[in-house]
Amino acid sequence: MAKTGLVYHPAYLEYDMGAGHPESPNRLRAIMQQLEASGTAACLTRIPPRKAEDEWITQIHTASYLEMLKVEAPATGRVSLDADTSLSLGSLTAAYLAAGGALAAVDAIMSKDVDHVFCAVRPPGHHAEAGHAMGFCLFNNVAIAARYAQKRYGLSRVLIVDWDVHHGNGTQHSFEEDPSVLFFSTHQFPHYPGTGRATERGRGAGEGLTINVPMEAGEGDEAYRAVFQKTLVQAADAFKPEFVIISAGFDAHQDDPLASMGLTEEGYEDLTGIVAGIAKRHANGRILSSLEGGYHLTSLAASVDRHIQALLAA
């Protein structure tokens, strides 16, 4: 059994955008309850997050954006950042700990304390752009972790696999001119945020290293497996990543209220196995998986459990 870590902190529950908002603290409560009930939690190595240092956040985000968040963070009430995203009292601390949880995960993997880590964090990150919040996201956790792995540990090639049902626009824009990061995304299309066409393949030195696979509403386990086995595996085997990161959204599940895809818990388990095979061949098994979306509490929790079980079995 592989050694798998878990990043979690109760401060993640303090990212609160109000009653009725789909990005609810109950998402993490459901996940943690499921992992305890199934016995999976007992198999995991707890990795405490730290607050991400500004020097690493500003590898991806502008200093002016970071300063704006610090100025706008309210002592009471809520401050709107975009149509879907706001700051409350605990939001910025949660965001620093979410990004820092990913950094702590990189450290644990690179020091060989664990083989993989699942980061049960909030807020999610893959929509966050260099200079603004977007789509429930404040800091782009996986992008920050990718750059940290490269600059802190001297890694040359990082693969980011984004299977969230929404396209990871922020992650793509962070690396679309960068030949050292292969970004692969499956997502319902057309759907929020409207990016992620197959013709978006990167630019300049990074051309060909952005791979978008738009999926049609209703496609499920079989279609996703085929895309991963053919398109992802071929690209990853050519790229030979030294570190693998998953933007692990579980909102392509057939029960999710914010999308119209057909993945099941078994499908997520299979996709995890495919990615783990890539990591085993090229990256000494190193995988950092960070929570993005997933808004049906029962299917989210069950899918995360199966995802982690597949990591443990890798």
C-alpha atoms as a PDB file:
ATOM      1  CA  MET A   1       0.000   0.000   0.000  1.00  0.00           C
ATOM      2  CA  ALA A   2       1.324   3.422  -0.970  1.00  0.00           C
ATOM      3  CA  LYS A   3       1.734   6.030   1.731  1.00  0.00           C
ATOM      4  CA  THR A   4      -0.782   8.811   1.254  1.00  0.00           C
ATOM      5  CA  GLY A   5      -1.064  12.079   3.138  1.00  0.00           C
ATOM      6  CA  LEU A   6      -4.050  14.263   3.974  1.00  0.00           C
ATOM      7  CA  VAL A   7      -3.989  18.025   4.351  1.00  0.00           C
ATOM      8  CA  TYR A   8      -6.890  19.456   6.336  1.00  0.00           C
ATOM      9  CA  HIS A   9      -7.435  22.328   8.768  1.00  0.00           C
ATOM     10  CA  PRO A  10     -10.631  23.485  10.518  1.00  0.00           C
ATOM     11  CA  ALA A  11      -9.901  27.047   9.349  1.00  0.00           C
ATOM     12  CA  TYR A  12     -10.971  25.892   5.873  1.00  0.00           C
ATOM     13  CA  LEU A  13     -14.526  25.862   7.207  1.00  0.00           C
ATOM     14  CA  GLU A  14     -14.301  29.619   7.805  1.00  0.00           C
ATOM     15  CA  TYR A  15     -14.386  30.364   4.081  1.00  0.00           C
ATOM     16  CA  ASP A  16     -18.075  31.207   4.110  1.00  0.00           C
ATOM     17  CA  MET A  17     -19.915  32.944   1.281  1.00  0.00           C
ATOM     18  CA  GLY A  18     -23.309  32.805   2.911  1.00  0.00           C
ATOM     19  CA  ALA A  19     -26.349  30.571   3.290  1.00  0.00           C
ATOM     20  CA  GLY A  20     -27.365  28.798   0.119  1.00  0.00           C
ATOM     21  CA  HIS A  21     -24.036  29.246  -1.640  1.00  0.00           C
ATOM     22  CA  PRO A  22     -22.956  25.948  -3.270  1.00  0.00           C
ATOM     23  CA  GLU A  23     -19.332  26.355  -2.150  1.00  0.00           C
ATOM     24  CA  SER A  24     -20.270  25.566   1.423  1.00  0.00           C
ATOM     25  CA  PRO A  25     -18.226  24.491   4.459  1.00  0.00           C
ATOM     26  CA  ASN A  26     -20.472  21.426   4.503  1.00  0.00           C
ATOM     27  CA  ARG A  27     -18.494  20.114   1.541  1.00  0.00           C
ATOM     28  CA  LEU A  28     -15.458  19.493   3.735  1.00  0.00           C
ATOM     29  CA  ARG A  29     -17.552  18.301   6.643  1.00  0.00           C
ATOM     30  CA  ALA A  30     -19.096  15.638   4.398  1.00  0.00           C
ATOM     31  CA  ILE A  31     -15.692  14.551   3.088  1.00  0.00           C
ATOM     32  CA  MET A  32     -14.095  14.261   6.502  1.00  0.00           C
ATOM     33  CA  GLN A  33     -17.096  12.409   7.951  1.00  0.00           C
ATOM     34  CA  GLN A  34     -16.992   9.932   5.064  1.00  0.00           C
ATOM     35  CA  LEU A  35     -13.267   9.299   5.434  1.00  0.00           C
ATOM     36  CA  GLU A  36     -13.702   8.643   9.153  1.00  0.00           C
ATOM     37  CA  ALA A  37     -16.722   6.397   8.689  1.00  0.00           C
ATOM     38  CA  SER A  38     -15.123   4.281   5.962  1.00  0.00           C
ATOM     39  CA  GLY A  39     -11.841   3.845   7.812  1.00  0.00           C
ATOM     40  CA  THR A  40      -9.872   5.568   5.068  1.00  0.00           C
ATOM     41  CA  ALA A  41      -8.807   8.387   7.391  1.00  0.00           C
ATOM     42  CA  ALA A  42      -6.978   5.902   9.615  1.00  0.00           C
ATOM     43  CA  CYS A  43      -4.766   4.940   6.645  1.00  0.00           C
ATOM     44  CA  LEU A  44      -3.631   8.506   5.969  1.00  0.00           C
ATOM     45  CA  THR A  45      -0.705  10.555   7.247  1.00  0.00           C
ATOM     46  CA  ARG A  46      -1.893  13.940   8.481  1.00  0.00           C
ATOM     47  CA  ILE A  47       0.076  16.848   7.055  1.00  0.00           C
ATOM     48  CA  PRO A  48      -0.497  20.199   8.771  1.00  0.00           C
ATOM     49  CA  PRO A  49      -0.763  23.158   6.411  1.00  0.00           C
ATOM     50  CA  ARG A  50       1.072  26.402   6.889  1.00  0.00           C
ATOM     51  CA  LYS A  51       0.151  29.848   5.697  1.00  0.00           C
ATOM     52  CA  ALA A  52       1.643  30.248   2.239  1.00  0.00           C
ATOM     53  CA  GLU A  53       4.380  32.841   2.069  1.00  0.00           C
ATOM     54  CA  ASP A  54       3.689  35.862  -0.142  1.00  0.00           C
ATOM     55  CA  GLU A  55       6.838  35.133  -2.143  1.00  0.00           C
ATOM     56  CA  TRP A  56       5.251  31.904  -3.415  1.00  0.00           C
ATOM     57  CA  ILE A  57       1.772  33.326  -3.958  1.00  0.00           C
ATOM     58  CA  THR A  58       3.273  36.099  -6.087  1.00  0.00           C
ATOM     59  CA  GLN A  59       4.926  33.551  -8.355  1.00  0.00           C
ATOM     60  CA  ILE A  60       1.392  33.224  -9.788  1.00  0.00           C
ATOM     61  CA  HIS A  61      -0.576  36.267  -8.586  1.00  0.00           C
ATOM     62  CA  THR A  62       0.287  39.935  -8.850  1.00  0.00           C
ATOM     63  CA  ALA A  63       1.450  41.795  -5.785  1.00  0.00           C
ATOM     64  CA  SER A  64      -1.308  44.357  -6.359  1.00  0.00           C
ATOM     65  CA  TYR A  65      -3.990  41.642  -6.243  1.00  0.00           C
ATOM     66  CA  LEU A  66      -2.571  40.253  -3.016  1.00  0.00           C
ATOM     67  CA  GLU A  67      -2.502  43.712  -1.474  1.00  0.00           C
ATOM     68  CA  MET A  68      -6.097  44.332  -2.570  1.00  0.00           C
ATOM     69  CA  LEU A  69      -7.243  41.172  -0.778  1.00  0.00           C
ATOM     70  CA  LYS A  70      -5.495  42.257   2.403  1.00  0.00           C
ATOM     71  CA  VAL A  71      -7.058  45.720   2.240  1.00  0.00           C
ATOM     72  CA  GLU A  72     -10.563  44.479   1.377  1.00  0.00           C
ATOM     73  CA  ALA A  73     -10.716  41.580   3.849  1.00  0.00           C
ATOM     74  CA  PRO A  74     -13.554  42.574   6.192  1.00  0.00           C
ATOM     75  CA  ALA A  75     -13.660  42.478   9.980  1.00  0.00           C
ATOM     76  CA  THR A  76     -17.415  41.930   9.731  1.00  0.00           C
ATOM     77  CA  GLY A  77     -19.853  41.175   6.960  1.00  0.00           C
ATOM     78  CA  ARG A  78     -18.925  40.256   3.425  1.00  0.00           C
ATOM     79  CA  VAL A  79     -17.143  41.975   0.519  1.00  0.00           C
ATOM     80  CA  SER A  80     -18.017  40.929  -3.035  1.00  0.00           C
ATOM     81  CA  LEU A  81     -15.112  40.188  -5.402  1.00  0.00           C
ATOM     82  CA  ASP A  82     -17.084  38.897  -8.374  1.00  0.00           C
ATOM     83  CA  ALA A  83     -20.589  37.618  -9.063  1.00  0.00           C
ATOM     84  CA  ASP A  84     -19.843  34.282  -7.351  1.00  0.00           C
ATOM     85  CA  THR A  85     -17.043  35.053  -4.897  1.00  0.00           C
ATOM     86  CA  SER A  86     -16.813  37.112  -1.730  1.00  0.00           C
ATOM     87  CA  LEU A  87     -14.615  37.653   1.307  1.00  0.00           C
ATOM     88  CA  SER A  88     -15.783  37.201   4.868  1.00  0.00           C
ATOM     89  CA  LEU A  89     -13.869  37.384   8.143  1.00  0.00           C
ATOM     90  CA  GLY A  90     -12.162  33.995   7.822  1.00  0.00           C
ATOM     91  CA  SER A  91     -11.751  33.881   4.045  1.00  0.00           C
ATOM     92  CA  LEU A  92      -8.235  35.229   3.607  1.00  0.00           C
ATOM     93  CA  THR A  93      -6.787  33.057   6.381  1.00  0.00           C
ATOM     94  CA  ALA A  94      -8.450  30.027   4.803  1.00  0.00           C
ATOM     95  CA  ALA A  95      -7.002  30.959   1.410  1.00  0.00           C
ATOM     96  CA  TYR A  96      -3.493  31.354   2.807  1.00  0.00           C
ATOM     97  CA  LEU A  97      -3.792  27.970   4.518  1.00  0.00           C
ATOM     98  CA  ALA A  98      -5.227  26.344   1.377  1.00  0.00           C
ATOM     99  CA  ALA A  99      -2.289  27.493  -0.748  1.00  0.00           C
ATOM    100  CA  GLY A 100       0.070  26.677   2.109  1.00  0.00           C
ATOM    101  CA  GLY A 101      -1.482  23.244   2.441  1.00  0.00           C
ATOM    102  CA  ALA A 102      -0.437  22.561  -1.134  1.00  0.00           C
ATOM    103  CA  LEU A 103       3.087  23.785  -0.356  1.00  0.00           C
ATOM    104  CA  ALA A 104       3.256  21.527   2.707  1.00  0.00           C
ATOM    105  CA  ALA A 105       2.075  18.662   0.514  1.00  0.00           C
ATOM    106  CA  VAL A 106       4.912  19.289  -1.959  1.00  0.00           C
ATOM    107  CA  ASP A 107       7.390  19.294   0.923  1.00  0.00           C
ATOM    108  CA  ALA A 108       6.044  16.016   2.315  1.00  0.00           C
ATOM    109  CA  ILE A 109       6.195  14.334  -1.089  1.00  0.00           C
ATOM    110  CA  MET A 110       9.650  15.614  -1.972  1.00  0.00           C
ATOM    111  CA  SER A 111      11.034  14.588   1.434  1.00  0.00           C
ATOM    112  CA  LYS A 112       9.561  11.100   0.807  1.00  0.00           C
ATOM    113  CA  ASP A 113       7.455  11.191   3.951  1.00  0.00           C
ATOM    114  CA  VAL A 114       4.555  10.183   1.686  1.00  0.00           C
ATOM    115  CA  ASP A 115       4.042   9.172  -1.938  1.00  0.00           C
ATOM    116  CA  HIS A 116       0.885  11.184  -2.550  1.00  0.00           C
ATOM    117  CA  VAL A 117      -1.201  13.788  -0.775  1.00  0.00           C
ATOM    118  CA  PHE A 118      -4.868  14.722  -0.999  1.00  0.00           C
ATOM    119  CA  CYS A 119      -5.455  18.339   0.021  1.00  0.00           C
ATOM    120  CA  ALA A 120      -8.950  18.700   1.470  1.00  0.00           C
ATOM    121  CA  VAL A 121      -8.856  22.478   1.181  1.00  0.00           C
ATOM    122  CA  ARG A 122     -11.148  25.448   0.719  1.00  0.00           C
ATOM    123  CA  PRO A 123     -11.268  27.799  -1.089  1.00  0.00           C
ATOM    124  CA  PRO A 124     -10.631  25.991  -4.357  1.00  0.00           C
ATOM    125  CA  GLY A 125      -8.245  27.589  -6.805  1.00  0.00           C
ATOM    126  CA  HIS A 126      -8.236  26.788 -10.497  1.00  0.00           C
ATOM    127  CA  HIS A 127     -10.370  29.750 -11.662  1.00  0.00           C
ATOM    128  CA  ALA A 128      -8.267  32.358  -9.823  1.00  0.00           C
ATOM    129  CA  GLU A 129      -6.409  34.555 -12.299  1.00  0.00           C
ATOM    130  CA  ALA A 130      -3.163  36.427 -11.749  1.00  0.00           C
ATOM    131  CA  GLY A 131      -4.964  39.634 -10.848  1.00  0.00           C
ATOM    132  CA  HIS A 132      -8.459  38.720  -9.718  1.00  0.00           C
ATOM    133  CA  ALA A 133     -10.635  36.228  -7.870  1.00  0.00           C
ATOM    134  CA  MET A 134     -13.096  34.182  -9.877  1.00  0.00           C
ATOM    135  CA  GLY A 135     -15.516  31.289  -9.567  1.00  0.00           C
ATOM    136  CA  PHE A 136     -15.277  30.729  -5.785  1.00  0.00           C
ATOM    137  CA  CYS A 137     -11.430  30.864  -5.981  1.00  0.00           C
ATOM    138  CA  LEU A 138      -8.983  33.307  -4.355  1.00  0.00           C
ATOM    139  CA  PHE A 139      -5.502  31.789  -4.815  1.00  0.00           C
ATOM    140  CA  ASN A 140      -4.660  29.242  -7.495  1.00  0.00           C
ATOM    141  CA  ASN A 141      -3.480  26.495  -5.154  1.00  0.00           C
ATOM    142  CA  VAL A 142      -2.280  24.030  -7.782  1.00  0.00           C
ATOM    143  CA  ALA A 143      -0.489  26.652  -9.859  1.00  0.00           C
ATOM    144  CA  ILE A 144       1.321  27.951  -6.781  1.00  0.00           C
ATOM    145  CA  ALA A 145       2.278  24.381  -5.845  1.00  0.00           C
ATOM    146  CA  ALA A 146       3.572  23.650  -9.350  1.00  0.00           C
ATOM    147  CA  ARG A 147       5.847  26.672  -9.385  1.00  0.00           C
ATOM    148  CA  TYR A 148       6.985  25.929  -5.826  1.00  0.00           C
ATOM    149  CA  ALA A 149       7.924  22.364  -6.775  1.00  0.00           C
ATOM    150  CA  GLN A 150       9.987  23.712  -9.629  1.00  0.00           C
ATOM    151  CA  LYS A 151      11.743  26.574  -7.858  1.00  0.00           C
ATOM    152  CA  ARG A 152      12.139  25.029  -4.398  1.00  0.00           C
ATOM    153  CA  TYR A 153      13.158  21.558  -5.567  1.00  0.00           C
ATOM    154  CA  GLY A 154      14.589  22.183  -9.020  1.00  0.00           C
ATOM    155  CA  LEU A 155      12.078  20.083 -10.950  1.00  0.00           C
ATOM    156  CA  SER A 156      11.947  20.698 -14.679  1.00  0.00           C
ATOM    157  CA  ARG A 157       8.584  19.266 -15.760  1.00  0.00           C
ATOM    158  CA  VAL A 158       5.227  19.310 -13.947  1.00  0.00           C
ATOM    159  CA  LEU A 159       1.981  17.792 -15.213  1.00  0.00           C
ATOM    160  CA  ILE A 160      -1.320  19.303 -14.057  1.00  0.00           C
ATOM    161  CA  VAL A 161      -4.430  17.194 -14.707  1.00  0.00           C
ATOM    162  CA  ASP A 162      -7.687  19.102 -14.208  1.00  0.00           C
ATOM    163  CA  TRP A 163     -10.780  16.889 -14.256  1.00  0.00           C
ATOM    164  CA  ASP A 164     -13.097  19.440 -12.634  1.00  0.00           C
ATOM    165  CA  VAL A 165     -16.253  19.890 -14.713  1.00  0.00           C
ATOM    166  CA  HIS A 166     -15.370  23.562 -15.189  1.00  0.00           C
ATOM    167  CA  HIS A 167     -12.331  24.589 -17.201  1.00  0.00           C
ATOM    168  CA  GLY A 168      -9.341  25.703 -15.120  1.00  0.00           C
ATOM    169  CA  ASN A 169      -8.907  29.042 -16.842  1.00  0.00           C
ATOM    170  CA  GLY A 170      -6.595  30.467 -14.188  1.00  0.00           C
ATOM    171  CA  THR A 171      -4.241  27.505 -14.315  1.00  0.00           C
ATOM    172  CA  GLN A 172      -4.152  27.535 -18.102  1.00  0.00           C
ATOM    173  CA  HIS A 173      -3.364  31.245 -18.205  1.00  0.00           C
ATOM    174  CA  SER A 174      -0.612  30.821 -15.603  1.00  0.00           C
ATOM    175  CA  PHE A 175       1.335  28.397 -17.787  1.00  0.00           C
ATOM    176  CA  GLU A 176       0.160  28.714 -21.388  1.00  0.00           C
ATOM    177  CA  GLU A 177       3.511  30.143 -22.511  1.00  0.00           C
ATOM    178  CA  ASP A 178       5.576  27.857 -20.273  1.00  0.00           C
ATOM    179  CA  PRO A 179       7.083  24.673 -21.770  1.00  0.00           C
ATOM    180  CA  SER A 180       7.886  23.287 -18.304  1.00  0.00           C
ATOM    181  CA  VAL A 181       4.218  22.662 -17.385  1.00  0.00           C
ATOM    182  CA  LEU A 182       1.855  20.357 -19.259  1.00  0.00           C
ATOM    183  CA  PHE A 183      -1.751  21.355 -18.527  1.00  0.00           C
ATOM    184  CA  PHE A 184      -4.450  18.807 -19.395  1.00  0.00           C
ATOM    185  CA  SER A 185      -8.131  19.553 -18.823  1.00  0.00           C
ATOM    186  CA  THR A 186     -11.401  17.725 -19.379  1.00  0.00           C
ATOM    187  CA  HIS A 187     -14.498  19.860 -18.826  1.00  0.00           C
ATOM    188  CA  GLN A 188     -18.123  20.211 -19.857  1.00  0.00           C
ATOM    189  CA  PHE A 189     -18.340  22.546 -22.839  1.00  0.00           C
ATOM    190  CA  PRO A 190     -19.951  24.943 -23.384  1.00  0.00           C
ATOM    191  CA  HIS A 191     -20.172  25.688 -19.677  1.00  0.00           C
ATOM    192  CA  TYR A 192     -18.747  28.140 -17.146  1.00  0.00           C
ATOM    193  CA  PRO A 193     -16.291  29.891 -17.545  1.00  0.00           C
ATOM    194  CA  GLY A 194     -16.527  29.610 -21.352  1.00  0.00           C
ATOM    195  CA  THR A 195     -12.829  28.906 -21.936  1.00  0.00           C
ATOM    196  CA  GLY A 196     -11.162  25.604 -22.763  1.00  0.00           C
ATOM    197  CA  ARG A 197     -11.735  25.090 -26.470  1.00  0.00           C
ATOM    198  CA  ALA A 198      -9.646  22.379 -28.091  1.00  0.00           C
ATOM    199  CA  THR A 199      -7.990  25.101 -30.162  1.00  0.00           C
ATOM    200  CA  GLU A 200      -6.496  26.632 -26.985  1.00  0.00           C
ATOM    201  CA  ARG A 201      -3.152  24.809 -27.091  1.00  0.00           C
ATOM    202  CA  GLY A 202      -0.763  27.234 -25.435  1.00  0.00           C
ATOM    203  CA  ARG A 203       1.292  30.018 -26.945  1.00  0.00           C
ATOM    204  CA  GLY A 204       4.897  30.702 -27.864  1.00  0.00           C
ATOM    205  CA  ALA A 205       7.286  28.297 -26.168  1.00  0.00           C
ATOM    206  CA  GLY A 206       4.310  26.619 -24.504  1.00  0.00           C
ATOM    207  CA  GLU A 207       2.405  25.840 -27.671  1.00  0.00           C
ATOM    208  CA  GLY A 208       1.123  22.263 -27.637  1.00  0.00           C
ATOM    209  CA  LEU A 209       1.533  21.913 -23.872  1.00  0.00           C
ATOM    210  CA  THR A 210      -2.008  23.032 -23.096  1.00  0.00           C
ATOM    211  CA  ILE A 211      -4.403  20.198 -23.934  1.00  0.00           C
ATOM    212  CA  ASN A 212      -8.111  20.911 -23.618  1.00  0.00           C
ATOM    213  CA  VAL A 213     -10.638  18.136 -24.167  1.00  0.00           C
ATOM    214  CA  PRO A 214     -14.149  19.626 -24.173  1.00  0.00           C
ATOM    215  CA  MET A 215     -16.733  17.019 -23.125  1.00  0.00           C
ATOM    216  CA  GLU A 216     -20.379  16.934 -24.165  1.00  0.00           C
ATOM    217  CA  ALA A 217     -23.116  16.969 -21.533  1.00  0.00           C
ATOM    218  CA  GLY A 218     -24.020  13.465 -20.429  1.00  0.00           C
ATOM    219  CA  GLU A 219     -20.682  11.796 -21.112  1.00  0.00           C
ATOM    220  CA  GLY A 220     -19.575   9.523 -18.312  1.00  0.00           C
ATOM    221  CA  ASP A 221     -17.096   6.922 -17.147  1.00  0.00           C
ATOM    222  CA  GLU A 222     -16.456   5.244 -20.487  1.00  0.00           C
ATOM    223  CA  ALA A 223     -15.872   8.486 -22.396  1.00  0.00           C
ATOM    224  CA  TYR A 224     -13.599   9.898 -19.704  1.00  0.00           C
ATOM    225  CA  ARG A 225     -11.567   6.687 -19.473  1.00  0.00           C
ATOM    226  CA  ALA A 226     -11.046   6.700 -23.245  1.00  0.00           C
ATOM    227  CA  VAL A 227      -9.837  10.318 -23.234  1.00  0.00           C
ATOM    228  CA  PHE A 228      -7.460   9.712 -20.349  1.00  0.00           C
ATOM    229  CA  GLN A 229      -6.087   6.448 -21.711  1.00  0.00           C
ATOM    230  CA  LYS A 230      -5.506   7.806 -25.173  1.00  0.00           C
ATOM    231  CA  THR A 231      -4.935  11.553 -25.083  1.00  0.00           C
ATOM    232  CA  LEU A 232      -3.532  12.103 -21.581  1.00  0.00           C
ATOM    233  CA  VAL A 233      -1.318   9.025 -21.430  1.00  0.00           C
ATOM    234  CA  GLN A 234       0.178   9.708 -24.859  1.00  0.00           C
ATOM    235  CA  ALA A 235       0.940  13.344 -24.032  1.00  0.00           C
ATOM    236  CA  ALA A 236       2.252  12.601 -20.546  1.00  0.00           C
ATOM    237  CA  ASP A 237       4.501   9.763 -21.711  1.00  0.00           C
ATOM    238  CA  ALA A 238       6.045  12.131 -24.249  1.00  0.00           C
ATOM    239  CA  PHE A 239       6.417  14.936 -21.671  1.00  0.00           C
ATOM    240  CA  LYS A 240       7.773  12.677 -18.866  1.00  0.00           C
ATOM    241  CA  PRO A 241       6.665  14.740 -15.851  1.00  0.00           C
ATOM    242  CA  GLU A 242       8.729  14.733 -12.677  1.00  0.00           C
ATOM    243  CA  PHE A 243       5.754  15.721 -10.523  1.00  0.00           C
ATOM    244  CA  VAL A 244       2.009  15.259 -11.065  1.00  0.00           C
ATOM    245  CA  ILE A 245      -0.734  17.514  -9.708  1.00  0.00           C
ATOM    246  CA  ILE A 246      -4.468  16.864  -9.936  1.00  0.00           C
ATOM    247  CA  SER A 247      -7.035  19.650  -9.822  1.00  0.00           C
ATOM    248  CA  ALA A 248      -9.506  17.259  -8.270  1.00  0.00           C
ATOM    249  CA  GLY A 249     -12.991  18.588  -8.835  1.00  0.00           C
ATOM    250  CA  PHE A 250     -15.782  16.057  -8.391  1.00  0.00           C
ATOM    251  CA  ASP A 251     -18.554  18.076 -10.037  1.00  0.00           C
ATOM    252  CA  ALA A 252     -18.577  15.987 -13.233  1.00  0.00           C
ATOM    253  CA  HIS A 253     -20.408  13.385 -11.115  1.00  0.00           C
ATOM    254  CA  GLN A 254     -23.802  12.401 -12.444  1.00  0.00           C
ATOM    255  CA  ASP A 255     -25.513  13.737  -9.299  1.00  0.00           C
ATOM    256  CA  ASP A 256     -23.859  17.157  -9.222  1.00  0.00           C
ATOM    257  CA  PRO A 257     -26.327  20.076  -9.345  1.00  0.00           C
ATOM    258  CA  LEU A 258     -23.986  22.531 -11.132  1.00  0.00           C
ATOM    259  CA  ALA A 259     -23.260  20.442 -14.228  1.00  0.00           C
ATOM    260  CA  SER A 260     -24.631  17.771 -16.547  1.00  0.00           C
ATOM    261  CA  MET A 261     -21.966  15.079 -16.801  1.00  0.00           C
ATOM    262  CA  GLY A 262     -22.170  11.369 -15.996  1.00  0.00           C
ATOM    263  CA  LEU A 263     -19.107  10.319 -14.001  1.00  0.00           C
ATOM    264  CA  THR A 264     -19.533   7.961 -11.031  1.00  0.00           C
ATOM    265  CA  GLU A 265     -17.390   7.171  -8.012  1.00  0.00           C
ATOM    266  CA  GLU A 266     -16.003   4.199  -9.953  1.00  0.00           C
ATOM    267  CA  GLY A 267     -15.096   6.518 -12.801  1.00  0.00           C
ATOM    268  CA  TYR A 268     -13.085   8.777 -10.521  1.00  0.00           C
ATOM    269  CA  GLU A 269     -11.323   5.725  -9.117  1.00  0.00           C
ATOM    270  CA  ASP A 270     -10.392   4.642 -12.653  1.00  0.00           C
ATOM    271  CA  LEU A 271      -9.134   8.113 -13.629  1.00  0.00           C
ATOM    272  CA  THR A 272      -7.016   8.183 -10.490  1.00  0.00           C
ATOM    273  CA  GLY A 273      -5.488   4.858 -11.454  1.00  0.00           C
ATOM    274  CA  ILE A 274      -4.577   6.135 -14.911  1.00  0.00           C
ATOM    275  CA  VAL A 275      -2.918   9.244 -13.495  1.00  0.00           C
ATOM    276  CA  ALA A 276      -1.131   7.148 -10.877  1.00  0.00           C
ATOM    277  CA  GLY A 277       0.284   4.989 -13.653  1.00  0.00           C
ATOM    278  CA  ILE A 278       1.746   8.074 -15.314  1.00  0.00           C
ATOM    279  CA  ALA A 279       3.248   9.209 -12.012  1.00  0.00           C
ATOM    280  CA  LYS A 280       4.731   5.787 -11.367  1.00  0.00           C
ATOM    281  CA  ARG A 281       6.381   5.643 -14.799  1.00  0.00           C
ATOM    282  CA  HIS A 282       7.867   9.113 -14.797  1.00  0.00           C
ATOM    283  CA  ALA A 283       7.607  10.919 -11.427  1.00  0.00           C
ATOM    284  CA  ASN A 284       8.599   8.331  -8.807  1.00  0.00           C
ATOM    285  CA  GLY A 285       4.889   8.051  -8.033  1.00  0.00           C
ATOM    286  CA  ARG A 286       4.629  11.660  -6.839  1.00  0.00           C
ATOM    287  CA  ILE A 287       1.047  12.986  -6.911  1.00  0.00           C
ATOM    288  CA  LEU A 288      -0.435  16.044  -5.239  1.00  0.00           C
ATOM    289  CA  SER A 289      -4.234  16.127  -5.494  1.00  0.00           C
ATOM    290  CA  SER A 290      -6.078  19.267  -4.440  1.00  0.00           C
ATOM    291  CA  LEU A 291      -9.828  19.649  -4.044  1.00  0.00           C
ATOM    292  CA  GLU A 292     -11.605  21.918  -6.494  1.00  0.00           C
ATOM    293  CA  GLY A 293     -15.373  21.572  -7.097  1.00  0.00           C
ATOM    294  CA  GLY A 294     -18.068  19.052  -6.195  1.00  0.00           C
ATOM    295  CA  TYR A 295     -21.404  20.195  -4.802  1.00  0.00           C
ATOM    296  CA  HIS A 296     -23.575  17.126  -4.170  1.00  0.00           C
ATOM    297  CA  LEU A 297     -22.415  16.291  -0.667  1.00  0.00           C
ATOM    298  CA  THR A 298     -22.990  12.535  -0.707  1.00  0.00           C
ATOM    299  CA  SER A 299     -21.452  11.890  -4.115  1.00  0.00           C
ATOM    300  CA  LEU A 300     -18.610  14.329  -3.413  1.00  0.00           C
ATOM    301  CA  ALA A 301     -17.662  12.526  -0.208  1.00  0.00           C
ATOM    302  CA  ALA A 302     -17.960   9.078  -1.785  1.00  0.00           C
ATOM    303  CA  SER A 303     -15.937  10.115  -4.844  1.00  0.00           C
ATOM    304  CA  VAL A 304     -13.149  11.607  -2.723  1.00  0.00           C
ATOM    305  CA  ASP A 305     -13.039   8.392  -0.688  1.00  0.00           C
ATOM    306  CA  ARG A 306     -12.683   6.255  -3.832  1.00  0.00           C
ATOM    307  CA  HIS A 307     -10.072   8.669  -5.212  1.00  0.00           C
ATOM    308  CA  ILE A 308      -7.973   8.367  -2.059  1.00  0.00           C
ATOM    309  CA  GLN A 309      -8.437   4.582  -1.972  1.00  0.00           C
ATOM    310  CA  ALA A 310      -7.037   4.451  -5.508  1.00  0.00           C
ATOM    311  CA  LEU A 311      -4.039   6.516  -4.398  1.00  0.00           C
ATOM    312  CA  LEU A 312      -3.467   4.155  -1.483  1.00  0.00           C
ATOM    313  CA  ALA A 313      -3.578   1.206  -3.872  1.00  0.00           C
ATOM    314  CA  ALA A 314      -1.229   2.782  -6.429  1.00  0.00           C
END
